[in-house]
């Protein structure tokens, strides 16, 4: 046994290799992309990799303590959106009868699937 029923396993590697591993794993898998900026070599004259891939594998319902991984809000969000009201709009999940208030959590923003 590699993974306990309530455990989580992270596999880090190149996307090309992880794709082969992914199809052979008989459990739940989430694909995480860790994107970074300014890691290019100017002398190379072709596309370059600016991300790493991570497979997050689990058997049962995963435990994710999201408050433990919050990160600071951007200055732009705090300046332009936090605490402001967005007028209601009709859409797939709304009849257009409720306004949205952008709230800033005291411990920061939730992490995104794409990491910078």
PDB file of N, CA and C in Angstrom:
ATOM      1  N   UNK A   1       0.846  -1.181   0.000  1.00  0.00           N
ATOM      2  CA  UNK A   1       0.000   0.000   0.000  1.00  0.00           C
ATOM      3  C   UNK A   1       0.885   1.235   0.000  1.00  0.00           C
ATOM      4  N   UNK A   2       0.599   2.126  -0.903  1.00  0.00           N
ATOM      5  CA  UNK A   2       1.353   3.378  -0.983  1.00  0.00           C
ATOM      6  C   UNK A   2       0.629   4.495  -0.249  1.00  0.00           C
ATOM      7  N   UNK A   3      -0.706   4.482  -0.293  1.00  0.00           N
ATOM      8  CA  UNK A   3      -1.486   5.601   0.227  1.00  0.00           C
ATOM      9  C   UNK A   3      -2.560   5.111   1.188  1.00  0.00           C
ATOM     10  N   UNK A   4      -2.585   5.682   2.396  1.00  0.00           N
ATOM     11  CA  UNK A   4      -3.642   5.364   3.353  1.00  0.00           C
ATOM     12  C   UNK A   4      -4.976   5.876   2.816  1.00  0.00           C
ATOM     13  N   UNK A   5      -6.101   5.314   3.270  1.00  0.00           N
ATOM     14  CA  UNK A   5      -7.410   5.750   2.762  1.00  0.00           C
ATOM     15  C   UNK A   5      -7.663   7.251   2.905  1.00  0.00           C
ATOM     16  N   UNK A   6      -7.171   7.867   3.979  1.00  0.00           N
ATOM     17  CA  UNK A   6      -7.403   9.300   4.183  1.00  0.00           C
ATOM     18  C   UNK A   6      -6.176  10.134   3.813  1.00  0.00           C
ATOM     19  N   UNK A   7      -5.206   9.535   3.141  1.00  0.00           N
ATOM     20  CA  UNK A   7      -3.970  10.235   2.817  1.00  0.00           C
ATOM     21  C   UNK A   7      -4.018  10.980   1.497  1.00  0.00           C
ATOM     22  N   UNK A   8      -3.014  11.794   1.292  1.00  0.00           N
ATOM     23  CA  UNK A   8      -2.843  12.533   0.044  1.00  0.00           C
ATOM     24  C   UNK A   8      -1.405  12.343  -0.416  1.00  0.00           C
ATOM     25  N   UNK A   9      -1.246  12.098  -1.713  1.00  0.00           N
ATOM     26  CA  UNK A   9       0.070  11.877  -2.300  1.00  0.00           C
ATOM     27  C   UNK A   9       0.290  12.906  -3.396  1.00  0.00           C
ATOM     28  N   UNK A  10       1.444  13.560  -3.387  1.00  0.00           N
ATOM     29  CA  UNK A  10       1.798  14.516  -4.426  1.00  0.00           C
ATOM     30  C   UNK A  10       2.929  13.929  -5.259  1.00  0.00           C
ATOM     31  N   UNK A  11       2.760  13.959  -6.582  1.00  0.00           N
ATOM     32  CA  UNK A  11       3.795  13.489  -7.498  1.00  0.00           C
ATOM     33  C   UNK A  11       4.196  14.673  -8.369  1.00  0.00           C
ATOM     34  N   UNK A  12       5.473  15.006  -8.316  1.00  0.00           N
ATOM     35  CA  UNK A  12       6.010  16.182  -8.998  1.00  0.00           C
ATOM     36  C   UNK A  12       6.842  15.725 -10.186  1.00  0.00           C
ATOM     37  N   UNK A  13       6.655  16.356 -11.346  1.00  0.00           N
ATOM     38  CA  UNK A  13       7.470  15.976 -12.491  1.00  0.00           C
ATOM     39  C   UNK A  13       7.048  16.679 -13.766  1.00  0.00           C
ATOM     40  N   UNK A  14       7.647  16.253 -14.873  1.00  0.00           N
ATOM     41  CA  UNK A  14       7.315  16.819 -16.176  1.00  0.00           C
ATOM     42  C   UNK A  14       5.944  16.335 -16.626  1.00  0.00           C
ATOM     43  N   UNK A  15       5.200  17.201 -17.282  1.00  0.00           N
ATOM     44  CA  UNK A  15       3.850  16.873 -17.753  1.00  0.00           C
ATOM     45  C   UNK A  15       3.837  15.630 -18.628  1.00  0.00           C
ATOM     46  N   UNK A  16       4.841  15.475 -19.481  1.00  0.00           N
ATOM     47  CA  UNK A  16       4.884  14.334 -20.397  1.00  0.00           C
ATOM     48  C   UNK A  16       4.953  13.009 -19.640  1.00  0.00           C
ATOM     49  N   UNK A  17       5.695  12.964 -18.550  1.00  0.00           N
ATOM     50  CA  UNK A  17       5.820  11.745 -17.745  1.00  0.00           C
ATOM     51  C   UNK A  17       4.582  11.558 -16.873  1.00  0.00           C
ATOM     52  N   UNK A  18       4.109  12.642 -16.261  1.00  0.00           N
ATOM     53  CA  UNK A  18       2.937  12.549 -15.380  1.00  0.00           C
ATOM     54  C   UNK A  18       1.697  12.090 -16.133  1.00  0.00           C
ATOM     55  N   UNK A  19       1.597  12.406 -17.406  1.00  0.00           N
ATOM     56  CA  UNK A  19       0.447  11.961 -18.199  1.00  0.00           C
ATOM     57  C   UNK A  19       0.386  10.437 -18.246  1.00  0.00           C
ATOM     58  N   UNK A  20       1.526   9.787 -18.384  1.00  0.00           N
ATOM     59  CA  UNK A  20       1.563   8.319 -18.383  1.00  0.00           C
ATOM     60  C   UNK A  20       1.219   7.756 -17.006  1.00  0.00           C
ATOM     61  N   UNK A  21       1.729   8.395 -15.960  1.00  0.00           N
ATOM     62  CA  UNK A  21       1.442   7.946 -14.592  1.00  0.00           C
ATOM     63  C   UNK A  21      -0.038   8.136 -14.279  1.00  0.00           C
ATOM     64  N   UNK A  22      -0.587   9.264 -14.679  1.00  0.00           N
ATOM     65  CA  UNK A  22      -1.980   9.614 -14.363  1.00  0.00           C
ATOM     66  C   UNK A  22      -2.972   8.554 -14.836  1.00  0.00           C
ATOM     67  N   UNK A  23      -2.795   8.037 -16.027  1.00  0.00           N
ATOM     68  CA  UNK A  23      -3.768   7.076 -16.563  1.00  0.00           C
ATOM     69  C   UNK A  23      -3.695   5.725 -15.864  1.00  0.00           C
ATOM     70  N   UNK A  24      -2.656   5.503 -15.064  1.00  0.00           N
ATOM     71  CA  UNK A  24      -2.509   4.229 -14.368  1.00  0.00           C
ATOM     72  C   UNK A  24      -2.878   4.306 -12.884  1.00  0.00           C
ATOM     73  N   UNK A  25      -3.269   5.474 -12.423  1.00  0.00           N
ATOM     74  CA  UNK A  25      -3.607   5.640 -11.008  1.00  0.00           C
ATOM     75  C   UNK A  25      -5.112   5.455 -10.834  1.00  0.00           C
ATOM     76  N   UNK A  26      -5.532   4.415 -10.074  1.00  0.00           N
ATOM     77  CA  UNK A  26      -6.968   4.129  -9.925  1.00  0.00           C
ATOM     78  C   UNK A  26      -7.640   4.900  -8.791  1.00  0.00           C
ATOM     79  N   UNK A  27      -7.173   6.099  -8.500  1.00  0.00           N
ATOM     80  CA  UNK A  27      -7.773   6.911  -7.436  1.00  0.00           C
ATOM     81  C   UNK A  27      -8.036   8.311  -7.984  1.00  0.00           C
ATOM     82  N   UNK A  28      -8.599   9.173  -7.145  1.00  0.00           N
ATOM     83  CA  UNK A  28      -8.894  10.552  -7.547  1.00  0.00           C
ATOM     84  C   UNK A  28      -7.593  11.332  -7.722  1.00  0.00           C
ATOM     85  N   UNK A  29      -7.522  12.102  -8.797  1.00  0.00           N
ATOM     86  CA  UNK A  29      -6.313  12.879  -9.082  1.00  0.00           C
ATOM     87  C   UNK A  29      -6.698  14.287  -9.529  1.00  0.00           C
ATOM     88  N   UNK A  30      -6.033  15.271  -8.972  1.00  0.00           N
ATOM     89  CA  UNK A  30      -6.142  16.665  -9.422  1.00  0.00           C
ATOM     90  C   UNK A  30      -4.791  17.066  -9.990  1.00  0.00           C
ATOM     91  N   UNK A  31      -4.810  17.774 -11.104  1.00  0.00           N
ATOM     92  CA  UNK A  31      -3.581  18.205 -11.765  1.00  0.00           C
ATOM     93  C   UNK A  31      -3.332  19.652 -11.377  1.00  0.00           C
ATOM     94  N   UNK A  32      -2.194  19.916 -10.754  1.00  0.00           N
ATOM     95  CA  UNK A  32      -1.843  21.264 -10.312  1.00  0.00           C
ATOM     96  C   UNK A  32      -0.700  21.777 -11.187  1.00  0.00           C
ATOM     97  N   UNK A  33      -0.800  23.012 -11.617  1.00  0.00           N
ATOM     98  CA  UNK A  33       0.261  23.634 -12.408  1.00  0.00           C
ATOM     99  C   UNK A  33       0.930  24.714 -11.563  1.00  0.00           C
ATOM    100  N   UNK A  34       2.234  24.623 -11.438  1.00  0.00           N
ATOM    101  CA  UNK A  34       3.015  25.635 -10.732  1.00  0.00           C
ATOM    102  C   UNK A  34       3.702  26.467 -11.805  1.00  0.00           C
ATOM    103  N   UNK A  35       3.172  27.671 -12.032  1.00  0.00           N
ATOM    104  CA  UNK A  35       3.670  28.558 -13.091  1.00  0.00           C
ATOM    105  C   UNK A  35       4.617  29.568 -12.483  1.00  0.00           C
ATOM    106  N   UNK A  36       5.721  29.793 -13.139  1.00  0.00           N
ATOM    107  CA  UNK A  36       6.631  30.819 -12.662  1.00  0.00           C
ATOM    108  C   UNK A  36       6.975  31.768 -13.801  1.00  0.00           C
ATOM    109  N   UNK A  37       7.389  32.957 -13.440  1.00  0.00           N
ATOM    110  CA  UNK A  37       7.688  33.972 -14.450  1.00  0.00           C
ATOM    111  C   UNK A  37       9.193  34.215 -14.534  1.00  0.00           C
ATOM    112  N   UNK A  38       9.599  34.777 -15.650  1.00  0.00           N
ATOM    113  CA  UNK A  38      10.987  35.189 -15.868  1.00  0.00           C
ATOM    114  C   UNK A  38      11.998  34.055 -15.750  1.00  0.00           C
ATOM    115  N   UNK A  39      11.608  32.866 -16.178  1.00  0.00           N
ATOM    116  CA  UNK A  39      12.564  31.758 -16.169  1.00  0.00           C
ATOM    117  C   UNK A  39      12.808  31.298 -17.601  1.00  0.00           C
ATOM    118  N   UNK A  40      13.129  32.220 -18.448  1.00  0.00           N
ATOM    119  CA  UNK A  40      13.431  31.865 -19.829  1.00  0.00           C
ATOM    120  C   UNK A  40      14.896  32.183 -20.116  1.00  0.00           C
ATOM    121  N   UNK A  41      15.442  31.451 -21.045  1.00  0.00           N
ATOM    122  CA  UNK A  41      16.816  31.674 -21.465  1.00  0.00           C
ATOM    123  C   UNK A  41      16.782  32.442 -22.782  1.00  0.00           C
ATOM    124  N   UNK A  42      17.199  33.704 -22.782  1.00  0.00           N
ATOM    125  CA  UNK A  42      17.101  34.523 -23.988  1.00  0.00           C
ATOM    126  C   UNK A  42      17.805  33.925 -25.205  1.00  0.00           C
ATOM    127  N   UNK A  43      18.869  33.155 -24.990  1.00  0.00           N
ATOM    128  CA  UNK A  43      19.614  32.608 -26.127  1.00  0.00           C
ATOM    129  C   UNK A  43      18.880  31.463 -26.822  1.00  0.00           C
ATOM    130  N   UNK A  44      17.900  30.847 -26.152  1.00  0.00           N
ATOM    131  CA  UNK A  44      17.129  29.781 -26.792  1.00  0.00           C
ATOM    132  C   UNK A  44      16.085  30.405 -27.708  1.00  0.00           C
ATOM    133  N   UNK A  45      15.984  29.891 -28.899  1.00  0.00           N
ATOM    134  CA  UNK A  45      15.111  30.488 -29.898  1.00  0.00           C
ATOM    135  C   UNK A  45      13.891  29.604 -30.154  1.00  0.00           C
ATOM    136  N   UNK A  46      13.216  29.193 -29.079  1.00  0.00           N
ATOM    137  CA  UNK A  46      12.006  28.388 -29.224  1.00  0.00           C
ATOM    138  C   UNK A  46      11.224  28.452 -27.917  1.00  0.00           C
ATOM    139  N   UNK A  47      10.018  27.863 -27.899  1.00  0.00           N
ATOM    140  CA  UNK A  47       9.188  27.850 -26.691  1.00  0.00           C
ATOM    141  C   UNK A  47       9.949  27.209 -25.545  1.00  0.00           C
ATOM    142  N   UNK A  48       9.743  27.756 -24.345  1.00  0.00           N
ATOM    143  CA  UNK A  48      10.413  27.226 -23.165  1.00  0.00           C
ATOM    144  C   UNK A  48       9.397  26.920 -22.079  1.00  0.00           C
ATOM    145  N   UNK A  49       9.717  25.951 -21.262  1.00  0.00           N
ATOM    146  CA  UNK A  49       8.831  25.553 -20.168  1.00  0.00           C
ATOM    147  C   UNK A  49       8.916  26.581 -19.041  1.00  0.00           C
ATOM    148  N   UNK A  50       7.775  27.118 -18.634  1.00  0.00           N
ATOM    149  CA  UNK A  50       7.738  28.048 -17.501  1.00  0.00           C
ATOM    150  C   UNK A  50       6.736  27.566 -16.466  1.00  0.00           C
ATOM    151  N   UNK A  51       6.626  26.247 -16.347  1.00  0.00           N
ATOM    152  CA  UNK A  51       5.744  25.683 -15.332  1.00  0.00           C
ATOM    153  C   UNK A  51       6.238  24.299 -14.932  1.00  0.00           C
ATOM    154  N   UNK A  52       5.768  23.846 -13.799  1.00  0.00           N
ATOM    155  CA  UNK A  52       5.994  22.476 -13.341  1.00  0.00           C
ATOM    156  C   UNK A  52       4.625  21.881 -13.065  1.00  0.00           C
ATOM    157  N   UNK A  53       4.521  20.583 -13.165  1.00  0.00           N
ATOM    158  CA  UNK A  53       3.245  19.906 -12.931  1.00  0.00           C
ATOM    159  C   UNK A  53       3.320  19.066 -11.662  1.00  0.00           C
ATOM    160  N   UNK A  54       2.198  19.007 -10.962  1.00  0.00           N
ATOM    161  CA  UNK A  54       2.094  18.219  -9.736  1.00  0.00           C
ATOM    162  C   UNK A  54       0.767  17.477  -9.781  1.00  0.00           C
ATOM    163  N   UNK A  55       0.797  16.174  -9.528  1.00  0.00           N
ATOM    164  CA  UNK A  55      -0.438  15.406  -9.387  1.00  0.00           C
ATOM    165  C   UNK A  55      -0.759  15.311  -7.906  1.00  0.00           C
ATOM    166  N   UNK A  56      -1.972  15.653  -7.537  1.00  0.00           N
ATOM    167  CA  UNK A  56      -2.453  15.535  -6.160  1.00  0.00           C
ATOM    168  C   UNK A  56      -3.420  14.352  -6.139  1.00  0.00           C
ATOM    169  N   UNK A  57      -3.021  13.254  -5.490  1.00  0.00           N
ATOM    170  CA  UNK A  57      -3.783  12.001  -5.527  1.00  0.00           C
ATOM    171  C   UNK A  57      -4.388  11.710  -4.154  1.00  0.00           C
ATOM    172  N   UNK A  58      -5.645  11.242  -4.155  1.00  0.00           N
ATOM    173  CA  UNK A  58      -6.300  10.885  -2.896  1.00  0.00           C
ATOM    174  C   UNK A  58      -7.328   9.797  -3.150  1.00  0.00           C
ATOM    175  N   UNK A  59      -7.648   9.006  -2.103  1.00  0.00           N
ATOM    176  CA  UNK A  59      -8.624   7.923  -2.236  1.00  0.00           C
ATOM    177  C   UNK A  59     -10.016   8.380  -1.819  1.00  0.00           C
ATOM    178  N   UNK A  60     -10.138   8.801  -0.573  1.00  0.00           N
ATOM    179  CA  UNK A  60     -11.435   9.232  -0.051  1.00  0.00           C
ATOM    180  C   UNK A  60     -11.578  10.736  -0.231  1.00  0.00           C
ATOM    181  N   UNK A  61     -12.607  11.282   0.376  1.00  0.00           N
ATOM    182  CA  UNK A  61     -12.791  12.731   0.314  1.00  0.00           C
ATOM    183  C   UNK A  61     -11.555  13.402   0.921  1.00  0.00           C
ATOM    184  N   UNK A  62     -10.901  14.266   0.154  1.00  0.00           N
ATOM    185  CA  UNK A  62      -9.661  14.855   0.663  1.00  0.00           C
ATOM    186  C   UNK A  62      -9.912  15.865   1.775  1.00  0.00           C
ATOM    187  N   UNK A  63      -8.946  15.971   2.673  1.00  0.00           N
ATOM    188  CA  UNK A  63      -8.970  16.986   3.715  1.00  0.00           C
ATOM    189  C   UNK A  63      -8.092  18.129   3.222  1.00  0.00           C
ATOM    190  N   UNK A  64      -8.669  19.306   3.115  1.00  0.00           N
ATOM    191  CA  UNK A  64      -7.923  20.467   2.636  1.00  0.00           C
ATOM    192  C   UNK A  64      -8.156  21.609   3.609  1.00  0.00           C
ATOM    193  N   UNK A  65      -7.150  21.943   4.373  1.00  0.00           N
ATOM    194  CA  UNK A  65      -7.242  23.033   5.344  1.00  0.00           C
ATOM    195  C   UNK A  65      -6.919  24.348   4.636  1.00  0.00           C
ATOM    196  N   UNK A  66      -7.917  24.869   3.950  1.00  0.00           N
ATOM    197  CA  UNK A  66      -7.666  26.015   3.083  1.00  0.00           C
ATOM    198  C   UNK A  66      -7.223  27.263   3.827  1.00  0.00           C
ATOM    199  N   UNK A  67      -7.626  27.428   5.069  1.00  0.00           N
ATOM    200  CA  UNK A  67      -7.183  28.609   5.805  1.00  0.00           C
ATOM    201  C   UNK A  67      -5.685  28.563   6.103  1.00  0.00           C
ATOM    202  N   UNK A  68      -5.097  27.363   6.082  1.00  0.00           N
ATOM    203  CA  UNK A  68      -3.664  27.225   6.338  1.00  0.00           C
ATOM    204  C   UNK A  68      -2.801  27.610   5.139  1.00  0.00           C
ATOM    205  N   UNK A  69      -3.401  27.725   3.969  1.00  0.00           N
ATOM    206  CA  UNK A  69      -2.618  28.021   2.763  1.00  0.00           C
ATOM    207  C   UNK A  69      -3.035  29.334   2.096  1.00  0.00           C
ATOM    208  N   UNK A  70      -3.755  30.164   2.830  1.00  0.00           N
ATOM    209  CA  UNK A  70      -4.143  31.454   2.254  1.00  0.00           C
ATOM    210  C   UNK A  70      -2.906  32.298   1.974  1.00  0.00           C
ATOM    211  N   UNK A  71      -3.022  33.186   0.993  1.00  0.00           N
ATOM    212  CA  UNK A  71      -1.910  34.057   0.619  1.00  0.00           C
ATOM    213  C   UNK A  71      -2.392  35.500   0.588  1.00  0.00           C
ATOM    214  N   UNK A  72      -1.488  36.452   0.688  1.00  0.00           N
ATOM    215  CA  UNK A  72      -1.907  37.858   0.717  1.00  0.00           C
ATOM    216  C   UNK A  72      -2.668  38.258  -0.550  1.00  0.00           C
ATOM    217  N   UNK A  73      -3.647  39.125  -0.373  1.00  0.00           N
ATOM    218  CA  UNK A  73      -4.362  39.678  -1.521  1.00  0.00           C
ATOM    219  C   UNK A  73      -3.428  40.602  -2.294  1.00  0.00           C
ATOM    220  N   UNK A  74      -3.716  40.759  -3.561  1.00  0.00           N
ATOM    221  CA  UNK A  74      -2.942  41.721  -4.349  1.00  0.00           C
ATOM    222  C   UNK A  74      -3.372  43.132  -3.959  1.00  0.00           C
ATOM    223  N   UNK A  75      -2.479  44.074  -4.141  1.00  0.00           N
ATOM    224  CA  UNK A  75      -2.808  45.473  -3.856  1.00  0.00           C
ATOM    225  C   UNK A  75      -3.965  45.932  -4.734  1.00  0.00           C
ATOM    226  N   UNK A  76      -4.009  45.436  -5.965  1.00  0.00           N
ATOM    227  CA  UNK A  76      -5.073  45.812  -6.900  1.00  0.00           C
ATOM    228  C   UNK A  76      -6.431  45.361  -6.388  1.00  0.00           C
ATOM    229  N   UNK A  77      -6.519  44.118  -5.871  1.00  0.00           N
ATOM    230  CA  UNK A  77      -7.792  43.631  -5.338  1.00  0.00           C
ATOM    231  C   UNK A  77      -8.219  44.478  -4.150  1.00  0.00           C
ATOM    232  N   UNK A  78      -7.305  44.717  -3.226  1.00  0.00           N
ATOM    233  CA  UNK A  78      -7.653  45.488  -2.035  1.00  0.00           C
ATOM    234  C   UNK A  78      -8.071  46.913  -2.388  1.00  0.00           C
ATOM    235  N   UNK A  79      -7.440  47.498  -3.387  1.00  0.00           N
ATOM    236  CA  UNK A  79      -7.757  48.872  -3.776  1.00  0.00           C
ATOM    237  C   UNK A  79      -9.061  48.964  -4.565  1.00  0.00           C
ATOM    238  N   UNK A  80      -9.266  48.046  -5.504  1.00  0.00           N
ATOM    239  CA  UNK A  80     -10.369  48.189  -6.454  1.00  0.00           C
ATOM    240  C   UNK A  80     -11.597  47.328  -6.187  1.00  0.00           C
ATOM    241  N   UNK A  81     -11.467  46.270  -5.398  1.00  0.00           N
ATOM    242  CA  UNK A  81     -12.607  45.367  -5.269  1.00  0.00           C
ATOM    243  C   UNK A  81     -13.052  45.104  -3.837  1.00  0.00           C
ATOM    244  N   UNK A  82     -12.125  44.951  -2.912  1.00  0.00           N
ATOM    245  CA  UNK A  82     -12.479  44.551  -1.548  1.00  0.00           C
ATOM    246  C   UNK A  82     -13.497  45.499  -0.932  1.00  0.00           C
ATOM    247  N   UNK A  83     -14.598  44.930  -0.460  1.00  0.00           N
ATOM    248  CA  UNK A  83     -15.639  45.705   0.190  1.00  0.00           C
ATOM    249  C   UNK A  83     -16.599  46.402  -0.749  1.00  0.00           C
ATOM    250  N   UNK A  84     -16.365  46.322  -2.025  1.00  0.00           N
ATOM    251  CA  UNK A  84     -17.229  46.995  -2.996  1.00  0.00           C
ATOM    252  C   UNK A  84     -18.380  46.096  -3.421  1.00  0.00           C
ATOM    253  N   UNK A  85     -19.440  46.734  -3.869  1.00  0.00           N
ATOM    254  CA  UNK A  85     -20.649  46.022  -4.276  1.00  0.00           C
ATOM    255  C   UNK A  85     -20.700  45.936  -5.796  1.00  0.00           C
ATOM    256  N   UNK A  86     -20.965  44.738  -6.288  1.00  0.00           N
ATOM    257  CA  UNK A  86     -21.162  44.551  -7.728  1.00  0.00           C
ATOM    258  C   UNK A  86     -22.650  44.412  -7.967  1.00  0.00           C
ATOM    259  N   UNK A  87     -23.176  45.174  -8.889  1.00  0.00           N
ATOM    260  CA  UNK A  87     -24.606  45.119  -9.180  1.00  0.00           C
ATOM    261  C   UNK A  87     -24.993  43.731  -9.663  1.00  0.00           C
ATOM    262  N   UNK A  88     -26.229  43.378  -9.415  1.00  0.00           N
ATOM    263  CA  UNK A  88     -26.709  42.061  -9.821  1.00  0.00           C
ATOM    264  C   UNK A  88     -26.825  41.975 -11.335  1.00  0.00           C
ATOM    265  N   UNK A  89     -26.564  40.795 -11.842  1.00  0.00           N
ATOM    266  CA  UNK A  89     -26.708  40.536 -13.273  1.00  0.00           C
ATOM    267  C   UNK A  89     -27.375  39.184 -13.458  1.00  0.00           C
ATOM    268  N   UNK A  90     -28.106  39.048 -14.523  1.00  0.00           N
ATOM    269  CA  UNK A  90     -28.713  37.764 -14.844  1.00  0.00           C
ATOM    270  C   UNK A  90     -27.649  36.859 -15.426  1.00  0.00           C
ATOM    271  N   UNK A  91     -27.700  35.622 -15.040  1.00  0.00           N
ATOM    272  CA  UNK A  91     -26.720  34.676 -15.559  1.00  0.00           C
ATOM    273  C   UNK A  91     -27.142  33.253 -15.290  1.00  0.00           C
ATOM    274  N   UNK A  92     -26.226  32.357 -15.507  1.00  0.00           N
ATOM    275  CA  UNK A  92     -26.513  30.935 -15.355  1.00  0.00           C
ATOM    276  C   UNK A  92     -26.890  30.572 -13.919  1.00  0.00           C
ATOM    277  N   UNK A  93     -26.273  31.232 -12.945  1.00  0.00           N
ATOM    278  CA  UNK A  93     -26.518  30.897 -11.547  1.00  0.00           C
ATOM    279  C   UNK A  93     -27.287  31.978 -10.795  1.00  0.00           C
ATOM    280  N   UNK A  94     -27.772  32.977 -11.491  1.00  0.00           N
ATOM    281  CA  UNK A  94     -28.449  34.084 -10.825  1.00  0.00           C
ATOM    282  C   UNK A  94     -29.611  34.593 -11.666  1.00  0.00           C
ATOM    283  N   UNK A  95     -30.668  34.953 -10.982  1.00  0.00           N
ATOM    284  CA  UNK A  95     -31.821  35.555 -11.663  1.00  0.00           C
ATOM    285  C   UNK A  95     -31.641  37.060 -11.803  1.00  0.00           C
ATOM    286  N   UNK A  96     -30.552  37.566 -11.271  1.00  0.00           N
ATOM    287  CA  UNK A  96     -30.285  38.996 -11.363  1.00  0.00           C
ATOM    288  C   UNK A  96     -30.914  39.782 -10.241  1.00  0.00           C
ATOM    289  N   UNK A  97     -31.202  39.117  -9.119  1.00  0.00           N
ATOM    290  CA  UNK A  97     -31.877  39.797  -8.020  1.00  0.00           C
ATOM    291  C   UNK A  97     -30.992  40.003  -6.783  1.00  0.00           C
ATOM    292  N   UNK A  98     -29.711  39.624  -6.852  1.00  0.00           N
ATOM    293  CA  UNK A  98     -28.831  39.780  -5.694  1.00  0.00           C
ATOM    294  C   UNK A  98     -27.543  40.490  -6.084  1.00  0.00           C
ATOM    295  N   UNK A  99     -27.140  41.411  -5.227  1.00  0.00           N
ATOM    296  CA  UNK A  99     -25.857  42.074  -5.420  1.00  0.00           C
ATOM    297  C   UNK A  99     -24.762  41.212  -4.794  1.00  0.00           C
ATOM    298  N   UNK A 100     -23.542  41.413  -5.241  1.00  0.00           N
ATOM    299  CA  UNK A 100     -22.396  40.697  -4.691  1.00  0.00           C
ATOM    300  C   UNK A 100     -21.491  41.691  -3.992  1.00  0.00           C
ATOM    301  N   UNK A 101     -21.086  41.354  -2.779  1.00  0.00           N
ATOM    302  CA  UNK A 101     -20.120  42.178  -2.059  1.00  0.00           C
ATOM    303  C   UNK A 101     -18.813  41.393  -2.017  1.00  0.00           C
ATOM    304  N   UNK A 102     -17.758  41.990  -2.559  1.00  0.00           N
ATOM    305  CA  UNK A 102     -16.449  41.342  -2.540  1.00  0.00           C
ATOM    306  C   UNK A 102     -15.850  41.502  -1.150  1.00  0.00           C
ATOM    307  N   UNK A 103     -15.710  40.391  -0.449  1.00  0.00           N
ATOM    308  CA  UNK A 103     -15.195  40.417   0.918  1.00  0.00           C
ATOM    309  C   UNK A 103     -13.747  39.940   0.941  1.00  0.00           C
ATOM    310  N   UNK A 104     -12.931  40.623   1.691  1.00  0.00           N
ATOM    311  CA  UNK A 104     -11.538  40.220   1.867  1.00  0.00           C
ATOM    312  C   UNK A 104     -11.435  39.460   3.185  1.00  0.00           C
ATOM    313  N   UNK A 105     -11.038  38.191   3.118  1.00  0.00           N
ATOM    314  CA  UNK A 105     -10.865  37.374   4.319  1.00  0.00           C
ATOM    315  C   UNK A 105      -9.681  37.914   5.115  1.00  0.00           C
ATOM    316  N   UNK A 106      -9.789  37.927   6.417  1.00  0.00           N
ATOM    317  CA  UNK A 106      -8.737  38.512   7.254  1.00  0.00           C
ATOM    318  C   UNK A 106      -7.393  37.805   7.105  1.00  0.00           C
ATOM    319  N   UNK A 107      -7.402  36.517   6.716  1.00  0.00           N
ATOM    320  CA  UNK A 107      -6.150  35.770   6.578  1.00  0.00           C
ATOM    321  C   UNK A 107      -5.621  35.727   5.151  1.00  0.00           C
ATOM    322  N   UNK A 108      -6.315  36.363   4.212  1.00  0.00           N
ATOM    323  CA  UNK A 108      -5.826  36.410   2.841  1.00  0.00           C
ATOM    324  C   UNK A 108      -6.698  35.646   1.865  1.00  0.00           C
ATOM    325  N   UNK A 109      -6.220  35.568   0.630  1.00  0.00           N
ATOM    326  CA  UNK A 109      -6.957  34.934  -0.461  1.00  0.00           C
ATOM    327  C   UNK A 109      -6.709  33.432  -0.488  1.00  0.00           C
ATOM    328  N   UNK A 110      -7.673  32.711  -1.043  1.00  0.00           N
ATOM    329  CA  UNK A 110      -7.468  31.283  -1.249  1.00  0.00           C
ATOM    330  C   UNK A 110      -6.478  31.083  -2.387  1.00  0.00           C
ATOM    331  N   UNK A 111      -5.702  30.009  -2.339  1.00  0.00           N
ATOM    332  CA  UNK A 111      -4.742  29.766  -3.415  1.00  0.00           C
ATOM    333  C   UNK A 111      -5.446  29.411  -4.714  1.00  0.00           C
ATOM    334  N   UNK A 112      -4.786  29.655  -5.817  1.00  0.00           N
ATOM    335  CA  UNK A 112      -5.325  29.331  -7.129  1.00  0.00           C
ATOM    336  C   UNK A 112      -4.704  28.032  -7.619  1.00  0.00           C
ATOM    337  N   UNK A 113      -5.287  27.446  -8.657  1.00  0.00           N
ATOM    338  CA  UNK A 113      -4.705  26.250  -9.256  1.00  0.00           C
ATOM    339  C   UNK A 113      -3.388  26.556  -9.952  1.00  0.00           C
ATOM    340  N   UNK A 114      -3.255  27.772 -10.437  1.00  0.00           N
ATOM    341  CA  UNK A 114      -2.021  28.171 -11.106  1.00  0.00           C
ATOM    342  C   UNK A 114      -1.226  29.019 -10.135  1.00  0.00           C
ATOM    343  N   UNK A 115      -0.029  28.590  -9.807  1.00  0.00           N
ATOM    344  CA  UNK A 115       0.805  29.294  -8.842  1.00  0.00           C
ATOM    345  C   UNK A 115       1.866  30.112  -9.555  1.00  0.00           C
ATOM    346  N   UNK A 116       2.062  31.348  -9.101  1.00  0.00           N
ATOM    347  CA  UNK A 116       3.140  32.192  -9.636  1.00  0.00           C
ATOM    348  C   UNK A 116       4.262  32.247  -8.636  1.00  0.00           C
TER     349      UNK A 116
END
